[in-house]
Protein backbone atom coordinates (compact mmCIF):
# COMPACT_ATOMS: atom_id res chain seq x y z
CA MET A 1 -13.65 -42.65 13.62
CA ASN A 2 -15.72 -41.01 16.37
CA ASP A 3 -19.40 -40.49 15.74
CA ALA A 4 -19.84 -36.73 15.37
CA ASN A 5 -23.06 -36.76 17.33
CA THR A 6 -21.70 -38.36 20.50
CA ALA A 7 -20.79 -36.09 23.40
CA ASN A 8 -17.17 -35.12 24.06
CA THR A 9 -15.80 -36.26 20.72
CA LYS A 10 -12.20 -35.33 19.90
CA TYR A 11 -11.20 -33.24 16.91
CA ASN A 12 -7.80 -32.18 15.63
CA VAL A 13 -7.64 -28.54 14.58
CA ALA A 14 -4.91 -26.72 12.64
CA ILE A 15 -4.82 -22.92 12.85
CA ILE A 16 -2.59 -21.22 10.28
CA GLY A 17 -1.48 -17.90 11.74
CA SER A 18 -0.82 -16.93 15.36
CA GLY A 19 -2.23 -13.42 15.56
CA PRO A 20 -5.30 -12.35 17.58
CA ALA A 21 -7.78 -14.01 15.17
CA GLY A 22 -6.03 -17.37 15.50
CA PHE A 23 -5.76 -17.21 19.29
CA TYR A 24 -9.37 -16.09 19.75
CA ALA A 25 -10.53 -18.97 17.53
CA ALA A 26 -8.54 -21.38 19.73
CA ASP A 27 -10.11 -19.83 22.83
CA HIS A 28 -13.68 -20.25 21.50
CA LEU A 29 -12.96 -23.89 20.63
CA PHE A 30 -11.45 -24.66 24.04
CA LYS A 31 -14.49 -23.13 25.76
CA ASN A 32 -16.87 -25.44 23.89
CA LYS A 33 -18.27 -28.02 26.33
CA GLU A 34 -19.57 -30.54 23.77
CA HIS A 35 -16.28 -31.55 22.16
CA THR A 36 -12.58 -31.82 22.92
CA PHE A 37 -10.28 -30.01 20.50
CA HIS A 38 -6.56 -30.63 20.02
CA ILE A 39 -5.22 -27.44 18.47
CA ASP A 40 -1.95 -27.01 16.57
CA MET A 41 -1.13 -23.40 15.69
CA TYR A 42 1.33 -22.67 12.89
CA ASP A 43 3.26 -19.52 12.03
CA ARG A 44 5.88 -18.94 9.38
CA LEU A 45 7.80 -16.77 11.87
CA PRO A 46 9.32 -18.26 15.02
CA THR A 47 7.47 -15.64 17.11
CA PRO A 48 3.70 -15.62 17.73
CA PHE A 49 1.10 -12.81 18.06
CA GLY A 50 1.11 -11.39 14.51
CA LEU A 51 0.37 -7.67 14.38
CA VAL A 52 0.29 -7.35 18.18
CA ARG A 53 4.05 -7.92 18.11
CA LEU A 54 4.86 -6.55 14.67
CA GLY A 55 2.10 -4.03 13.90
CA VAL A 56 0.95 -2.28 17.08
CA ALA A 57 2.97 0.91 17.58
CA PRO A 58 5.91 0.57 20.00
CA ASP A 59 4.61 3.44 22.17
CA HIS A 60 1.27 1.61 22.66
CA GLN A 61 2.46 -0.89 25.26
CA LYS A 62 -0.93 -1.12 26.97
CA ILE A 63 -2.51 -2.59 23.81
CA LYS A 64 0.22 -5.24 23.69
CA THR A 65 -0.78 -6.60 27.12
CA VAL A 66 -3.44 -8.64 25.27
CA THR A 67 -0.64 -11.17 24.73
CA ARG A 68 -1.18 -12.24 28.36
CA VAL A 69 -4.60 -13.54 27.28
CA PHE A 70 -2.94 -15.45 24.43
CA ASP A 71 -0.32 -16.85 26.82
CA LYS A 72 -3.11 -18.24 28.98
CA ILE A 73 -4.78 -19.88 25.95
CA ALA A 74 -1.44 -21.45 24.99
CA GLN A 75 -1.15 -23.11 28.42
CA ASN A 76 -4.03 -25.46 27.59
CA PRO A 77 -2.56 -29.01 27.48
CA ASN A 78 -4.34 -29.56 24.15
CA PHE A 79 -2.49 -26.63 22.49
CA ARG A 80 0.74 -26.84 20.49
CA PHE A 81 2.65 -24.07 18.71
CA PHE A 82 4.75 -24.74 15.62
CA GLY A 83 6.75 -21.58 15.01
CA TYR A 84 8.89 -21.11 11.90
CA VAL A 85 6.72 -23.52 9.88
CA GLU A 86 5.47 -22.03 6.63
CA PHE A 87 2.18 -23.11 5.06
CA GLY A 88 2.68 -24.00 1.39
CA LYS A 89 6.36 -24.77 1.92
CA ASP A 90 6.98 -26.82 5.08
CA ILE A 91 3.41 -28.03 5.30
CA LYS A 92 0.81 -28.17 2.54
CA LEU A 93 -2.98 -28.31 2.48
CA GLU A 94 -2.93 -32.02 1.55
CA ASP A 95 -0.79 -32.71 4.65
CA LEU A 96 -3.22 -30.85 6.88
CA LYS A 97 -6.19 -32.71 5.39
CA LYS A 98 -4.52 -36.03 6.24
CA HIS A 99 -4.15 -35.07 9.91
CA TYR A 100 -6.88 -32.60 10.90
CA HIS A 101 -10.66 -32.53 11.07
CA ILE A 102 -10.74 -28.71 11.03
CA ILE A 103 -8.32 -26.28 9.32
CA ILE A 104 -8.64 -22.56 10.10
CA PHE A 105 -6.76 -19.88 8.16
CA ALA A 106 -5.97 -16.76 10.19
CA THR A 107 -3.16 -15.30 8.09
CA GLY A 108 -4.22 -11.64 8.15
CA ALA A 109 -3.73 -9.08 5.39
CA GLN A 110 -0.05 -8.87 4.54
CA THR A 111 0.18 -6.41 1.67
CA ASP A 112 -0.97 -2.88 0.81
CA ARG A 113 -3.34 -1.54 -1.77
CA THR A 114 -1.69 0.57 -4.45
CA MET A 115 -2.57 4.15 -5.50
CA ASN A 116 -2.03 3.42 -9.22
CA ILE A 117 -0.55 6.85 -9.96
CA PRO A 118 2.58 7.90 -11.89
CA GLY A 119 5.72 7.96 -9.76
CA GLU A 120 4.50 5.41 -7.23
CA ASP A 121 7.61 3.31 -7.84
CA LEU A 122 10.11 6.16 -7.36
CA LYS A 123 12.90 5.83 -4.81
CA GLY A 124 11.43 7.10 -1.54
CA SER A 125 7.89 5.86 -2.22
CA HIS A 126 7.01 3.16 0.32
CA THR A 127 4.10 1.34 1.87
CA ALA A 128 3.18 2.13 5.46
CA THR A 129 3.31 -1.59 6.28
CA GLU A 130 6.98 -1.77 5.25
CA PHE A 131 7.83 1.07 7.61
CA VAL A 132 5.71 -0.31 10.47
CA ALA A 133 7.27 -3.78 10.07
CA TRP A 134 10.75 -2.19 9.93
CA TYR A 135 10.45 -0.14 13.12
CA ASN A 136 8.74 -3.04 14.92
CA GLY A 137 11.61 -5.43 14.21
CA HIS A 138 10.01 -7.81 11.69
CA PRO A 139 12.82 -10.14 10.54
CA ASP A 140 11.76 -9.83 6.88
CA TYR A 141 12.05 -6.03 6.95
CA LYS A 142 15.09 -5.25 9.12
CA GLU A 143 17.28 -4.56 6.07
CA ARG A 144 14.82 -2.07 4.50
CA GLU A 145 16.26 1.37 3.77
CA PHE A 146 14.36 4.62 4.27
CA ASP A 147 16.08 7.89 3.39
CA LEU A 148 15.55 9.80 6.62
CA SER A 149 17.83 12.62 5.44
CA LYS A 150 14.69 14.10 3.81
CA GLU A 151 12.92 16.86 5.74
CA THR A 152 9.33 16.42 4.57
CA VAL A 153 7.16 13.28 4.52
CA ALA A 154 3.70 12.71 3.01
CA ILE A 155 1.52 9.89 4.33
CA ILE A 156 -1.41 9.07 2.06
CA GLY A 157 -4.28 7.92 4.24
CA VAL A 158 -5.84 8.97 7.54
CA GLY A 159 -6.47 5.65 9.29
CA ASN A 160 -4.85 4.54 12.53
CA VAL A 161 -1.85 3.03 10.71
CA ALA A 162 -1.18 6.40 9.04
CA VAL A 163 -1.49 8.03 12.46
CA ASP A 164 1.06 5.58 13.91
CA VAL A 165 3.57 6.34 11.14
CA ALA A 166 3.08 10.09 11.56
CA ARG A 167 3.45 9.87 15.34
CA ILE A 168 6.62 7.75 15.17
CA PHE A 169 8.21 10.42 12.95
CA CYS A 170 7.21 13.10 15.47
CA LEU A 171 8.32 11.43 18.72
CA SER A 172 11.57 12.59 20.30
CA GLU A 173 14.50 10.24 20.84
CA GLN A 174 13.75 10.26 24.59
CA GLU A 175 10.14 9.20 23.95
CA LEU A 176 11.22 6.44 21.55
CA ARG A 177 13.72 5.11 24.10
CA LYS A 178 10.82 4.25 26.45
CA THR A 179 9.31 1.89 23.86
CA ASP A 180 10.15 -1.53 22.39
CA ILE A 181 10.98 -0.07 18.95
CA SER A 182 13.74 -2.06 17.24
CA ASP A 183 17.21 -0.81 18.17
CA TYR A 184 18.25 -0.18 14.54
CA ALA A 185 15.09 1.91 13.92
CA LEU A 186 15.69 3.86 17.13
CA GLU A 187 19.21 4.69 15.99
CA LYS A 188 18.06 5.81 12.51
CA LEU A 189 15.05 7.81 13.75
CA ALA A 190 17.20 9.56 16.38
CA LYS A 191 19.36 10.91 13.53
CA SER A 192 16.41 11.62 11.22
CA ASN A 193 16.15 15.01 9.47
CA VAL A 194 12.36 14.79 9.15
CA LYS A 195 10.87 18.11 10.31
CA GLU A 196 7.48 18.18 8.63
CA VAL A 197 4.86 15.44 8.16
CA TYR A 198 1.67 15.60 6.07
CA MET A 199 -1.20 13.16 6.53
CA ILE A 200 -3.50 13.35 3.51
CA GLY A 201 -7.10 12.10 3.31
CA ARG A 202 -9.26 12.03 0.19
CA ARG A 203 -12.54 12.60 2.03
CA GLY A 204 -13.51 15.03 4.78
CA PRO A 205 -12.73 14.98 8.52
CA ALA A 206 -16.01 13.25 9.41
CA GLN A 207 -15.10 10.32 7.15
CA ALA A 208 -11.51 9.98 8.44
CA ALA A 209 -10.84 6.44 9.66
CA PHE A 210 -8.63 7.36 12.61
CA THR A 211 -10.19 6.92 16.06
CA ASN A 212 -10.57 9.70 18.61
CA PRO A 213 -7.94 8.36 21.07
CA GLU A 214 -5.39 8.30 18.21
CA LEU A 215 -6.35 11.84 17.18
CA LYS A 216 -5.96 13.07 20.77
CA GLU A 217 -2.41 11.73 20.82
CA LEU A 218 -1.56 13.78 17.72
CA GLY A 219 -2.96 16.91 19.35
CA ASN A 220 -0.82 16.43 22.45
CA LEU A 221 2.59 15.59 20.99
CA GLU A 222 5.49 17.02 23.00
CA ASN A 223 7.71 17.37 19.97
CA ALA A 224 5.36 18.49 17.17
CA ASP A 225 2.73 21.15 16.51
CA LEU A 226 -0.48 19.84 14.93
CA ILE A 227 -1.52 22.11 12.06
CA LEU A 228 -4.99 21.98 10.50
CA ASP A 229 -6.64 23.88 7.66
CA ASN A 230 -9.78 25.55 9.07
CA GLU A 231 -11.64 25.28 5.77
CA GLU A 232 -10.83 21.58 5.36
CA ILE A 233 -11.98 20.61 8.86
CA GLU A 234 -15.34 22.36 8.47
CA PRO A 235 -17.88 19.67 7.47
CA ASP A 236 -19.68 20.34 4.20
CA LEU A 237 -23.48 20.52 3.86
CA ILE A 238 -23.83 16.85 2.78
CA THR A 239 -21.90 15.69 5.85
CA LYS A 240 -23.85 18.01 8.18
CA ASN A 241 -27.15 16.65 6.85
CA PHE A 242 -25.91 13.08 7.19
CA LEU A 243 -24.87 13.66 10.81
CA GLU A 244 -28.23 15.26 11.62
CA GLU A 245 -30.05 12.22 10.21
CA ASN A 246 -27.69 9.65 11.77
CA GLU A 247 -26.65 10.37 15.34
CA ASP A 248 -22.96 9.53 15.62
CA LYS A 249 -21.37 10.65 18.88
CA GLN A 250 -17.89 9.45 17.90
CA THR A 251 -17.85 11.45 14.66
CA ASN A 252 -19.25 14.57 16.32
CA ARG A 253 -16.55 14.29 18.98
CA LYS A 254 -13.93 13.86 16.27
CA LEU A 255 -15.05 17.12 14.64
CA GLU A 256 -15.00 18.88 18.03
CA LEU A 257 -11.45 17.68 18.70
CA LEU A 258 -10.26 18.89 15.30
CA LYS A 259 -11.82 22.31 15.96
CA GLU A 260 -10.17 22.48 19.39
CA PHE A 261 -6.77 21.56 17.98
CA SER A 262 -7.11 24.01 15.08
CA SER A 263 -7.43 26.89 17.54
CA ASN A 264 -4.13 25.99 19.26
CA LYS A 265 -1.32 28.41 18.49
CA GLU A 266 1.89 27.06 16.98
CA THR A 267 4.55 26.87 19.69
CA ASN A 268 7.63 26.37 17.52
CA LYS A 269 8.12 22.74 18.51
CA ASN A 270 10.81 20.80 16.66
CA LYS A 271 8.39 19.35 14.12
CA LYS A 272 5.17 20.18 12.31
CA LEU A 273 2.39 17.66 11.65
CA HIS A 274 -0.27 18.66 9.12
CA ILE A 275 -3.53 16.74 8.63
CA ARG A 276 -5.05 17.61 5.26
CA PHE A 277 -8.47 16.57 3.97
CA LEU A 278 -10.30 16.43 0.63
CA LEU A 279 -7.11 15.81 -1.36
CA SER A 280 -6.23 12.87 -3.64
CA PRO A 281 -2.74 12.15 -4.99
CA ILE A 282 -2.48 12.21 -8.78
CA GLU A 283 1.30 12.02 -9.26
CA ILE A 284 4.53 11.63 -7.34
CA ALA A 285 7.07 13.82 -9.12
CA GLY A 286 10.75 12.91 -9.16
CA SER A 287 14.13 14.21 -10.28
CA ASP A 288 16.73 12.73 -12.64
CA ASP A 289 18.17 10.45 -9.94
CA ASN A 290 14.73 8.83 -9.42
CA SER A 291 14.23 10.46 -6.00
CA ILE A 292 11.03 12.28 -5.00
CA ASN A 293 10.65 16.07 -5.27
CA SER A 294 6.95 16.59 -4.68
CA ILE A 295 3.48 15.10 -4.67
CA LYS A 296 0.73 16.50 -6.87
CA LEU A 297 -2.82 16.41 -5.52
CA THR A 298 -6.29 17.28 -6.69
CA ARG A 299 -8.82 18.91 -4.38
CA ASN A 300 -12.00 16.90 -3.87
CA GLU A 301 -15.59 17.65 -3.07
CA LEU A 302 -18.01 15.21 -1.47
CA TYR A 303 -21.21 13.87 -3.00
CA LYS A 304 -23.86 11.38 -1.93
CA SER A 305 -23.75 8.26 -4.09
CA PRO A 306 -26.89 6.29 -5.09
CA ASP A 307 -26.20 3.76 -2.30
CA GLY A 308 -26.26 6.59 0.27
CA SER A 309 -22.53 6.63 1.02
CA ILE A 310 -20.54 9.87 0.95
CA ARG A 311 -17.78 9.77 -1.65
CA PRO A 312 -15.13 12.14 -3.01
CA ARG A 313 -14.82 13.41 -6.56
CA SER A 314 -12.17 15.61 -8.07
CA THR A 315 -12.57 19.31 -8.74
CA ASN A 316 -10.26 21.04 -11.21
CA GLU A 317 -8.15 22.57 -8.44
CA LYS A 318 -4.62 21.15 -8.13
CA ILE A 319 -1.99 21.65 -5.46
CA GLU A 320 1.60 20.47 -5.08
CA LEU A 321 3.54 19.74 -1.89
CA ASP A 322 7.33 19.59 -1.77
CA VAL A 323 8.15 16.26 -0.11
CA GLY A 324 11.06 13.82 -0.12
CA LEU A 325 9.34 10.67 1.14
CA VAL A 326 5.88 9.22 0.50
CA PHE A 327 4.16 6.42 2.45
CA ARG A 328 0.86 5.01 1.27
CA SER A 329 -1.56 3.78 3.91
CA ILE A 330 -4.80 3.28 2.00
CA GLY A 331 -5.74 -0.22 3.10
CA TYR A 332 -4.41 -3.75 3.37
CA ARG A 333 -5.03 -6.80 1.21
CA GLY A 334 -4.76 -10.47 2.00
CA VAL A 335 -2.28 -12.65 0.11
CA PRO A 336 -3.50 -15.79 -1.72
CA LEU A 337 -2.49 -19.09 -0.11
CA PRO A 338 -1.58 -22.24 -2.09
CA ASP A 339 -4.68 -24.33 -2.94
CA VAL A 340 -7.02 -22.08 -0.93
CA PRO A 341 -9.83 -20.30 -2.87
CA PHE A 342 -9.21 -16.54 -2.97
CA ASN A 343 -11.37 -13.56 -3.89
CA GLU A 344 -9.02 -11.24 -5.82
CA ASP A 345 -11.55 -8.38 -5.87
CA TRP A 346 -11.75 -8.20 -2.08
CA GLY A 347 -8.30 -9.54 -1.19
CA VAL A 348 -9.75 -12.21 1.13
CA ILE A 349 -10.27 -15.99 1.18
CA SER A 350 -13.58 -16.85 -0.50
CA ASN A 351 -15.91 -17.54 2.41
CA GLU A 352 -19.34 -17.17 3.94
CA LYS A 353 -19.34 -16.45 7.68
CA GLY A 354 -15.93 -18.15 7.82
CA ARG A 355 -16.80 -21.28 5.82
CA ILE A 356 -14.36 -21.44 2.90
CA LEU A 357 -16.17 -21.77 -0.42
CA GLY A 358 -14.97 -23.57 -3.54
CA LYS A 359 -15.49 -22.34 -7.11
CA ASP A 360 -19.03 -23.70 -7.00
CA LYS A 361 -19.71 -21.50 -3.90
CA ILE A 362 -20.19 -24.67 -1.84
CA HIS A 363 -18.39 -25.04 1.50
CA ILE A 364 -15.24 -27.14 1.37
CA GLU A 365 -15.84 -29.28 4.46
CA GLY A 366 -13.31 -28.75 7.23
CA LEU A 367 -11.90 -25.47 5.86
CA TYR A 368 -12.50 -22.13 7.59
CA ALA A 369 -11.16 -18.58 7.80
CA THR A 370 -11.10 -15.93 10.51
CA GLY A 371 -9.75 -12.41 10.99
CA TRP A 372 -8.65 -10.05 8.22
CA ILE A 373 -8.15 -12.86 5.69
CA LYS A 374 -11.87 -13.61 6.20
CA ARG A 375 -13.49 -10.15 6.41
CA GLY A 376 -10.85 -7.69 5.17
CA PRO A 377 -8.78 -5.21 7.20
CA THR A 378 -11.43 -3.71 9.48
CA GLY A 379 -11.83 -3.20 13.21
CA VAL A 380 -9.48 -3.35 16.16
CA ILE A 381 -7.82 -6.31 17.92
CA GLY A 382 -10.99 -7.08 19.88
CA THR A 383 -13.06 -7.26 16.68
CA ASN A 384 -11.33 -10.57 15.98
CA LYS A 385 -12.93 -12.09 19.07
CA THR A 386 -16.44 -11.61 17.66
CA ASP A 387 -15.28 -12.56 14.17
CA SER A 388 -13.68 -15.82 15.29
CA GLY A 389 -16.77 -16.55 17.40
CA GLU A 390 -18.84 -16.48 14.20
CA THR A 391 -16.42 -18.89 12.49
CA VAL A 392 -16.35 -21.25 15.47
CA LYS A 393 -20.16 -21.30 15.64
CA CYS A 394 -20.13 -22.52 12.01
CA ILE A 395 -17.57 -25.19 12.97
CA ILE A 396 -19.73 -26.47 15.85
CA ASP A 397 -22.85 -26.48 13.66
CA ASP A 398 -20.98 -28.36 10.92
CA ILE A 399 -19.68 -30.96 13.37
CA ALA A 400 -23.28 -31.56 14.49
CA ALA A 401 -24.20 -32.12 10.83
CA ASN A 402 -21.19 -34.46 10.34
CA LYS A 403 -19.69 -31.96 7.85
CA PHE A 404 -15.98 -31.85 8.56
CA ASN A 405 -12.78 -33.18 7.05
CA LYS A 406 -12.13 -36.88 7.68
CA PRO A 407 -8.38 -37.28 8.32
CA GLN A 408 -6.49 -40.52 7.71
CA VAL A 409 -4.18 -40.12 10.72
CA VAL A 410 -5.25 -38.59 14.04
CA GLU A 411 -2.25 -39.27 16.33
CA PRO A 412 -0.71 -35.87 17.27
CA GLN A 413 2.88 -37.16 17.04
CA SER A 414 2.37 -38.09 13.37
CA ILE A 415 2.20 -34.49 12.11
CA GLU A 416 5.11 -33.50 14.36
CA SER A 417 7.25 -36.25 12.82
CA LEU A 418 6.32 -35.02 9.34
CA ILE A 419 7.31 -31.44 10.17
CA LYS A 420 10.61 -32.59 11.70
CA GLU A 421 11.46 -34.37 8.45
CA ARG A 422 10.92 -31.18 6.44
CA ASN A 423 12.07 -28.49 8.87
CA ASP A 424 13.77 -29.48 12.11
CA LYS A 425 14.22 -25.83 13.14
CA PHE A 426 10.61 -25.26 14.24
CA ILE A 427 10.07 -23.99 17.78
CA ASN A 428 7.38 -24.78 20.35
CA TYR A 429 5.65 -22.41 22.78
CA LYS A 430 8.02 -23.07 25.69
CA GLN A 431 10.93 -22.21 23.42
CA TRP A 432 9.17 -19.00 22.34
CA GLN A 433 8.76 -18.13 26.04
CA LYS A 434 12.56 -18.33 26.42
CA VAL A 435 12.88 -15.74 23.65
CA ASP A 436 10.17 -13.61 25.25
CA GLN A 437 11.87 -13.66 28.67
CA SER A 438 15.27 -12.90 27.17
CA GLU A 439 13.89 -9.88 25.26
CA ILE A 440 12.28 -8.51 28.43
CA GLU A 441 15.51 -8.96 30.44
CA ARG A 442 17.56 -7.24 27.71
CA GLY A 443 15.10 -4.35 27.69
CA GLN A 444 15.05 -3.95 31.47
CA GLN A 445 18.81 -3.34 31.46
CA LEU A 446 18.14 -0.30 29.24
CA GLY A 447 14.96 0.88 30.98
CA ARG A 448 12.82 -0.32 28.06
CA PRO A 449 9.84 -2.77 27.95
CA ARG A 450 11.86 -5.23 25.85
CA LEU A 451 14.66 -5.34 23.29
CA LYS A 452 13.48 -7.51 20.41
CA TYR A 453 15.54 -10.04 18.54
CA THR A 454 15.10 -9.22 14.86
CA ASP A 455 17.23 -11.92 13.24
CA ILE A 456 15.63 -15.33 12.69
CA GLU A 457 18.81 -17.31 13.35
CA GLU A 458 19.32 -15.43 16.61
CA ILE A 459 15.71 -16.07 17.66
CA LEU A 460 16.17 -19.80 16.95
CA ARG A 461 19.48 -19.87 18.86
CA VAL A 462 17.91 -18.27 21.96
CA ALA A 463 14.82 -20.51 21.69
CA LYS A 464 16.89 -23.68 21.64
CA SER A 465 19.51 -22.60 24.19
């Protein structure tokens, strides 16, 4: 065993999850000059990049260019990718502890929070993440059915994911054809009957989580008029006072944009997109065949809570919107991992600054978390760079203090042999690059950025061809 305090010591690192948080953690480790790190990155899917591939909207190609950075990280000779290897099934925590000094979980937040209202389980009530994964070609979601014969859709939530869902419904077939949306989703959306989309937020416009660039896109859609309620976009007295006391240029600009867009005249475009504020869903109403007829909402007012935050509370006023589909987009939650301490209240791995904590709140040496599974679903892709930097700083400090896992076997081929025994279908990074190149070539023939493979067996076939 190497002495932790000698220069240029070698450490084996396992990163579970291949999204931005995982890649940025690898990058920080590789840039460390004191130690040499051998990094193995695992993903249960055969394709890397997490939400950059399967979450970022297909019409946001510029954002997806961050994968070039990840490609560069993956070229490091001390990096290996094990795609289609599932933690808890193909490889367990006890296996990782036998082979790695450091184990980092970067598994993201894979499920949605629920609204806990009557009718939430009716046919036609979905999570935004299901829909996003479906149109982005996630192999687990390609068979999902959404009844796009309905004319009116309600999206509960006003974050950037809700904006993406609303925008995808409002784009024309020609606009969608310029993207890397999955071919089956393109076909279904081209035939969609959806004419009217409601985005519904429980607080006011100043508190809406969408960013200004996303809002601008909604105000400039070729195929849909943006419709706003002048009373709802006017900030209340509590919000005005808050903004006077706390200078917030982004929020003030958001309010200006909403005011600008509200003065635009309707131009009879094919679709209508409404953004509504200060409304909370209380029931999804259905018919005898279990399909959705409407959504019932209560109007809210804002109040300042004892901790200083601005929160909504219900008034007695109720409204009802006739809708046929409902998507909830009110926040993500992490999913517990086998044998890894989990905080059910927050939906994250129990941790402090990325150090995973046991039941006694003491760090389990060698175990770390980064990204959404560490901090919850906040920030943009770049936020994960700072977040993983914090985790990696803890790792470096712990190595200096000789606080890391002490593996029994350190030869890199040992873990590969173990994985081969359990799952000989795994793919490496070069094989993923074959898939990547093939998708791009298929897309170019159609004038699109790429045409994704959405079937796991097909991805594996191309990877190993």
